C-alpha atoms as a PDB file:
ATOM      1  CA  MET A   1      77.067 102.514 109.217  1.00  0.00           C
ATOM      2  CA  ALA A   2      78.178 104.154 106.270  1.00  0.00           C
ATOM      3  CA  ALA A   3      80.093 107.286 105.566  1.00  0.00           C
ATOM      4  CA  TYR A   4      80.518 109.400 102.498  1.00  0.00           C
ATOM      5  CA  VAL A   5      83.570 111.455 101.431  1.00  0.00           C
ATOM      6  CA  VAL A   6      82.601 113.813  98.717  1.00  0.00           C
ATOM      7  CA  VAL A   7      85.306 114.263  96.107  1.00  0.00           C
ATOM      8  CA  PRO A   8      84.375 117.359  93.594  1.00  0.00           C
ATOM      9  CA  GLY A   9      86.610 118.633  90.750  1.00  0.00           C
ATOM     10  CA  ILE A  10      88.180 121.782  89.949  1.00  0.00           C
ATOM     11  CA  ASP A  11      86.779 124.512  92.155  1.00  0.00           C
ATOM     12  CA  GLY A  12      84.382 121.969  94.138  1.00  0.00           C
ATOM     13  CA  SER A  13      80.945 121.421  93.400  1.00  0.00           C
ATOM     14  CA  ASP A  14      78.415 124.463  93.430  1.00  0.00           C
ATOM     15  CA  GLU A  15      75.217 124.135  95.517  1.00  0.00           C
ATOM     16  CA  ARG A  16      73.181 123.005  92.482  1.00  0.00           C
ATOM     17  CA  HIS A  17      75.515 120.300  91.873  1.00  0.00           C
ATOM     18  CA  TRP A  18      74.628 116.824  92.821  1.00  0.00           C
ATOM     19  CA  GLN A  19      77.312 115.876  94.946  1.00  0.00           C
ATOM     20  CA  SER A  20      76.296 119.007  97.017  1.00  0.00           C
ATOM     21  CA  ARG A  21      72.648 117.999  97.193  1.00  0.00           C
ATOM     22  CA  TRP A  22      73.680 114.325  98.383  1.00  0.00           C
ATOM     23  CA  GLU A  23      76.062 115.481 100.933  1.00  0.00           C
ATOM     24  CA  ARG A  24      73.494 118.135 102.656  1.00  0.00           C
ATOM     25  CA  GLU A  25      71.151 114.885 102.507  1.00  0.00           C
ATOM     26  CA  TRP A  26      73.784 112.874 104.109  1.00  0.00           C
ATOM     27  CA  GLY A  27      74.375 115.144 107.074  1.00  0.00           C
ATOM     28  CA  GLY A  28      76.833 114.674 109.448  1.00  0.00           C
ATOM     29  CA  SER A  29      77.594 111.437 107.775  1.00  0.00           C
ATOM     30  CA  ALA A  30      79.459 113.321 104.590  1.00  0.00           C
ATOM     31  CA  SER A  31      82.055 115.400 104.499  1.00  0.00           C
ATOM     32  CA  ARG A  32      84.065 117.150 101.623  1.00  0.00           C
ATOM     33  CA  ILE A  33      87.789 116.998 100.997  1.00  0.00           C
ATOM     34  CA  SER A  34      89.309 120.582 101.623  1.00  0.00           C
ATOM     35  CA  PRO A  35      92.588 120.727  99.358  1.00  0.00           C
ATOM     36  CA  LYS A  36      94.486 124.046  98.977  1.00  0.00           C
ATOM     37  CA  SER A  37      94.743 123.831  95.486  1.00  0.00           C
ATOM     38  CA  TRP A  38      91.041 123.729  94.765  1.00  0.00           C
ATOM     39  CA  SER A  39      91.722 126.411  91.261  1.00  0.00           C
ATOM     40  CA  ALA A  40      94.837 125.064  90.570  1.00  0.00           C
ATOM     41  CA  PRO A  41      94.865 121.671  91.636  1.00  0.00           C
ATOM     42  CA  ASP A  42      98.022 119.798  92.796  1.00  0.00           C
ATOM     43  CA  LEU A  43      97.722 115.740  92.655  1.00  0.00           C
ATOM     44  CA  ARG A  44      99.630 115.640  95.949  1.00  0.00           C
ATOM     45  CA  ASP A  45      97.451 118.075  97.717  1.00  0.00           C
ATOM     46  CA  TRP A  46      94.394 116.567  96.631  1.00  0.00           C
ATOM     47  CA  VAL A  47      95.266 112.786  97.375  1.00  0.00           C
ATOM     48  CA  ASP A  48      96.436 114.322 100.821  1.00  0.00           C
ATOM     49  CA  ALA A  49      93.054 115.900 101.260  1.00  0.00           C
ATOM     50  CA  VAL A  50      91.393 112.801 100.304  1.00  0.00           C
ATOM     51  CA  ASP A  51      93.466 110.987 102.663  1.00  0.00           C
ATOM     52  CA  GLU A  52      92.582 113.396 105.785  1.00  0.00           C
ATOM     53  CA  ALA A  53      89.110 113.359 105.349  1.00  0.00           C
ATOM     54  CA  TYR A  54      88.838 109.371 105.037  1.00  0.00           C
ATOM     55  CA  ARG A  55      90.722 109.382 108.038  1.00  0.00           C
ATOM     56  CA  ALA A  56      87.952 111.575 109.704  1.00  0.00           C
ATOM     57  CA  ALA A  57      85.138 109.704 108.279  1.00  0.00           C
ATOM     58  CA  ALA A  58      86.499 105.946 109.217  1.00  0.00           C
ATOM     59  CA  ALA A  59      86.665 106.667 112.949  1.00  0.00           C
ATOM     60  CA  ASP A  60      82.918 106.384 113.090  1.00  0.00           C
ATOM     61  CA  ALA A  61      81.891 104.212 110.130  1.00  0.00           C
ATOM     62  CA  ASP A  62      81.987 100.485 108.967  1.00  0.00           C
ATOM     63  CA  GLU A  63      82.310 101.621 105.341  1.00  0.00           C
ATOM     64  CA  VAL A  64      83.830 104.947 103.542  1.00  0.00           C
ATOM     65  CA  VAL A  65      82.308 105.347 100.058  1.00  0.00           C
ATOM     66  CA  LEU A  66      84.013 107.900  98.222  1.00  0.00           C
ATOM     67  CA  VAL A  67      81.972 109.765  96.010  1.00  0.00           C
ATOM     68  CA  ALA A  68      84.192 111.598  93.292  1.00  0.00           C
ATOM     69  CA  HIS A  69      83.366 113.806  90.072  1.00  0.00           C
ATOM     70  CA  SER A  70      85.681 114.811  87.582  1.00  0.00           C
ATOM     71  CA  LEU A  71      89.433 115.679  88.493  1.00  0.00           C
ATOM     72  CA  GLY A  72      88.075 114.301  91.973  1.00  0.00           C
ATOM     73  CA  CYS A  73      88.283 110.919  90.283  1.00  0.00           C
ATOM     74  CA  TRP A  74      91.734 110.621  89.802  1.00  0.00           C
ATOM     75  CA  ALA A  75      92.343 111.993  93.179  1.00  0.00           C
ATOM     76  CA  THR A  76      90.377 109.042  94.836  1.00  0.00           C
ATOM     77  CA  THR A  77      92.132 106.626  92.445  1.00  0.00           C
ATOM     78  CA  THR A  78      95.355 107.519  93.123  1.00  0.00           C
ATOM     79  CA  TRP A  79      94.748 107.376  96.722  1.00  0.00           C
ATOM     80  CA  VAL A  80      93.007 104.150  96.831  1.00  0.00           C
ATOM     81  CA  ARG A  81      96.024 102.637  95.191  1.00  0.00           C
ATOM     82  CA  GLU A  82      98.475 104.048  97.474  1.00  0.00           C
ATOM     83  CA  THR A  83      96.590 103.887 100.760  1.00  0.00           C
ATOM     84  CA  ARG A  84      94.562 100.440  99.744  1.00  0.00           C
ATOM     85  CA  PRO A  85      92.239 100.682 102.452  1.00  0.00           C
ATOM     86  CA  ASP A  86      90.075  97.572 103.418  1.00  0.00           C
ATOM     87  CA  ASN A  87      86.699  99.420 104.100  1.00  0.00           C
ATOM     88  CA  VAL A  88      86.100 101.743 100.785  1.00  0.00           C
ATOM     89  CA  ALA A  89      83.982 101.890  97.903  1.00  0.00           C
ATOM     90  CA  ALA A  90      84.552 104.291  94.757  1.00  0.00           C
ATOM     91  CA  PHE A  91      81.526 106.053  92.793  1.00  0.00           C
ATOM     92  CA  LEU A  92      83.483 107.810  89.997  1.00  0.00           C
ATOM     93  CA  VAL A  93      81.470 110.232  88.013  1.00  0.00           C
ATOM     94  CA  ALA A  94      82.720 111.647  84.435  1.00  0.00           C
ATOM     95  CA  PRO A  95      86.262 111.432  84.839  1.00  0.00           C
ATOM     96  CA  PRO A  96      88.184 113.526  82.504  1.00  0.00           C
ATOM     97  CA  ASP A  97      90.525 112.138  79.860  1.00  0.00           C
ATOM     98  CA  PRO A  98      93.957 114.056  80.794  1.00  0.00           C
ATOM     99  CA  HIS A  99      95.341 113.917  77.507  1.00  0.00           C
ATOM    100  CA  ASP A 100      92.489 115.278  75.585  1.00  0.00           C
ATOM    101  CA  SER A 101      92.935 118.722  74.397  1.00  0.00           C
ATOM    102  CA  THR A 102      89.837 119.849  76.734  1.00  0.00           C
ATOM    103  CA  PHE A 103      91.926 118.956  79.631  1.00  0.00           C
ATOM    104  CA  PRO A 104      93.137 122.119  81.872  1.00  0.00           C
ATOM    105  CA  ARG A 105      96.913 121.277  81.148  1.00  0.00           C
ATOM    106  CA  GLN A 106      97.669 124.823  82.434  1.00  0.00           C
ATOM    107  CA  ALA A 107      95.833 124.511  85.765  1.00  0.00           C
ATOM    108  CA  ALA A 108      96.220 121.056  86.618  1.00  0.00           C
ATOM    109  CA  PRO A 109      99.657 119.743  84.934  1.00  0.00           C
ATOM    110  CA  THR A 110     100.425 117.262  88.190  1.00  0.00           C
ATOM    111  CA  PHE A 111      97.293 115.348  87.090  1.00  0.00           C
ATOM    112  CA  LEU A 112      99.117 114.827  83.306  1.00  0.00           C
ATOM    113  CA  ASN A 113     100.604 111.227  83.999  1.00  0.00           C
ATOM    114  CA  VAL A 114      97.866 109.659  86.001  1.00  0.00           C
ATOM    115  CA  ALA A 115      96.793 106.258  84.815  1.00  0.00           C
ATOM    116  CA  ALA A 116      93.891 103.709  85.474  1.00  0.00           C
ATOM    117  CA  ARG A 117      95.335 100.849  87.059  1.00  0.00           C
ATOM    118  CA  GLN A 118      93.603  98.191  89.140  1.00  0.00           C
ATOM    119  CA  LEU A 119      91.551  99.364  91.959  1.00  0.00           C
ATOM    120  CA  PRO A 120      91.870  97.284  95.408  1.00  0.00           C
ATOM    121  CA  CYS A 121      88.122  97.807  95.967  1.00  0.00           C
ATOM    122  CA  PRO A 122      84.510  97.708  94.644  1.00  0.00           C
ATOM    123  CA  ALA A 123      84.159 100.905  92.319  1.00  0.00           C
ATOM    124  CA  LEU A 124      81.537 102.122  89.659  1.00  0.00           C
ATOM    125  CA  VAL A 125      82.910 104.523  86.645  1.00  0.00           C
ATOM    126  CA  VAL A 126      79.458 106.390  85.596  1.00  0.00           C
ATOM    127  CA  ALA A 127      80.085 108.365  82.336  1.00  0.00           C
ATOM    128  CA  SER A 128      77.856 110.426  79.683  1.00  0.00           C
ATOM    129  CA  GLU A 129      77.373 109.923  76.029  1.00  0.00           C
ATOM    130  CA  ASN A 130      78.133 113.338  75.294  1.00  0.00           C
ATOM    131  CA  ASP A 131      80.717 114.452  78.138  1.00  0.00           C
ATOM    132  CA  PRO A 132      82.772 117.215  76.587  1.00  0.00           C
ATOM    133  CA  TYR A 133      86.080 116.154  78.808  1.00  0.00           C
ATOM    134  CA  CYS A 134      86.115 112.621  77.970  1.00  0.00           C
ATOM    135  CA  ASP A 135      84.468 110.432  75.253  1.00  0.00           C
ATOM    136  CA  SER A 136      82.507 107.462  76.481  1.00  0.00           C
ATOM    137  CA  THR A 137      84.859 105.015  75.268  1.00  0.00           C
ATOM    138  CA  THR A 138      87.816 106.400  76.469  1.00  0.00           C
ATOM    139  CA  ALA A 139      85.685 106.734  79.849  1.00  0.00           C
ATOM    140  CA  ALA A 140      85.155 102.858  79.347  1.00  0.00           C
ATOM    141  CA  SER A 141      88.869 102.546  79.014  1.00  0.00           C
ATOM    142  CA  PHE A 142      89.485 103.558  82.717  1.00  0.00           C
ATOM    143  CA  ALA A 143      86.652 101.411  83.947  1.00  0.00           C
ATOM    144  CA  SER A 144      88.500  98.602  82.466  1.00  0.00           C
ATOM    145  CA  GLY A 145      91.752  99.839  84.010  1.00  0.00           C
ATOM    146  CA  TRP A 146      90.348 100.214  87.180  1.00  0.00           C
ATOM    147  CA  ARG A 147      88.497  97.208  86.859  1.00  0.00           C
ATOM    148  CA  ALA A 148      85.643  99.211  88.242  1.00  0.00           C
ATOM    149  CA  HIS A 149      81.737  98.102  86.948  1.00  0.00           C
ATOM    150  CA  TRP A 150      80.828 100.543  84.079  1.00  0.00           C
ATOM    151  CA  HIS A 151      77.516 102.657  83.315  1.00  0.00           C
ATOM    152  CA  LEU A 152      76.618 104.731  80.420  1.00  0.00           C
ATOM    153  CA  ALA A 153      74.270 107.351  81.675  1.00  0.00           C
ATOM    154  CA  GLY A 154      73.107 108.615  78.534  1.00  0.00           C
ATOM    155  CA  PRO A 155      73.667 112.004  77.224  1.00  0.00           C
ATOM    156  CA  LEU A 156      74.247 114.350  80.310  1.00  0.00           C
ATOM    157  CA  GLY A 157      77.016 116.485  79.581  1.00  0.00           C
ATOM    158  CA  HIS A 158      79.644 116.419  82.189  1.00  0.00           C
ATOM    159  CA  ILE A 159      77.104 115.441  84.905  1.00  0.00           C
ATOM    160  CA  ASN A 160      77.864 118.330  86.622  1.00  0.00           C
ATOM    161  CA  SER A 161      75.682 121.568  87.649  1.00  0.00           C
ATOM    162  CA  ASP A 162      74.961 122.383  83.995  1.00  0.00           C
ATOM    163  CA  SER A 163      73.519 119.133  83.412  1.00  0.00           C
ATOM    164  CA  ASP A 164      70.410 120.249  85.564  1.00  0.00           C
ATOM    165  CA  LEU A 165      70.331 116.822  87.232  1.00  0.00           C
ATOM    166  CA  GLY A 166      68.762 118.203  90.629  1.00  0.00           C
ATOM    167  CA  ASP A 167      68.776 115.245  93.107  1.00  0.00           C
ATOM    168  CA  TRP A 168      69.992 112.924  90.280  1.00  0.00           C
ATOM    169  CA  PRO A 169      67.887 109.855  91.449  1.00  0.00           C
ATOM    170  CA  ALA A 170      69.651 107.968  88.820  1.00  0.00           C
ATOM    171  CA  GLY A 171      72.741 108.448  90.259  1.00  0.00           C
ATOM    172  CA  ARG A 172      71.654 107.741  93.851  1.00  0.00           C
ATOM    173  CA  ASP A 173      70.187 104.326  92.172  1.00  0.00           C
ATOM    174  CA  LEU A 174      73.585 103.380  90.597  1.00  0.00           C
ATOM    175  CA  LEU A 175      75.060 104.333  94.137  1.00  0.00           C
ATOM    176  CA  ALA A 176      73.256 102.309  95.784  1.00  0.00           C
ATOM    177  CA  GLY A 177      73.917  99.095  93.717  1.00  0.00           C
ATOM    178  CA  LEU A 178      77.550  99.792  94.358  1.00  0.00           C
ATOM    179  CA  THR A 179      77.372  99.724  98.095  1.00  0.00           C
ATOM    180  CA  ALA A 180      74.877  96.952  97.948  1.00  0.00           C
ATOM    181  CA  GLN A 181      78.060  94.728  96.774  1.00  0.00           C
END
């Protein structure tokens, strides 16, 4: 049985966000990280929150799927590289570019030195052609650095609530492909 750990970006995902919709659908098989620093993200706090959510989820599951969006991608990949668990997969959607002028440097300074290094688990990076926080070429380079599969989803903005994706069935298909590996 698989469990899901939802790792949103800054301020969490609102009720319209595909992550929140999926979490509701998964019910008891899903949990969400709970960092203390939602609005002023601290990388160590977020990584610790991923660890705590993973440990709770792994107690009752054969596999844990980390479902990350935006800044949550960096917390997820940092945790995976540090912890190296053998029963996870990482679904990484719309990672922001910490070197781009759109990155919230003042709000998230501890994320400025993250780097895309090889992950020890199956992973998929999903990006948009017109993400205001990361161009698709840079997102592809993150996927390459993480040694993750890569999917360009089309012009979906930041793949968030503003993208108006509803339950995002295409994303569910991508997630199913990752977990089937």
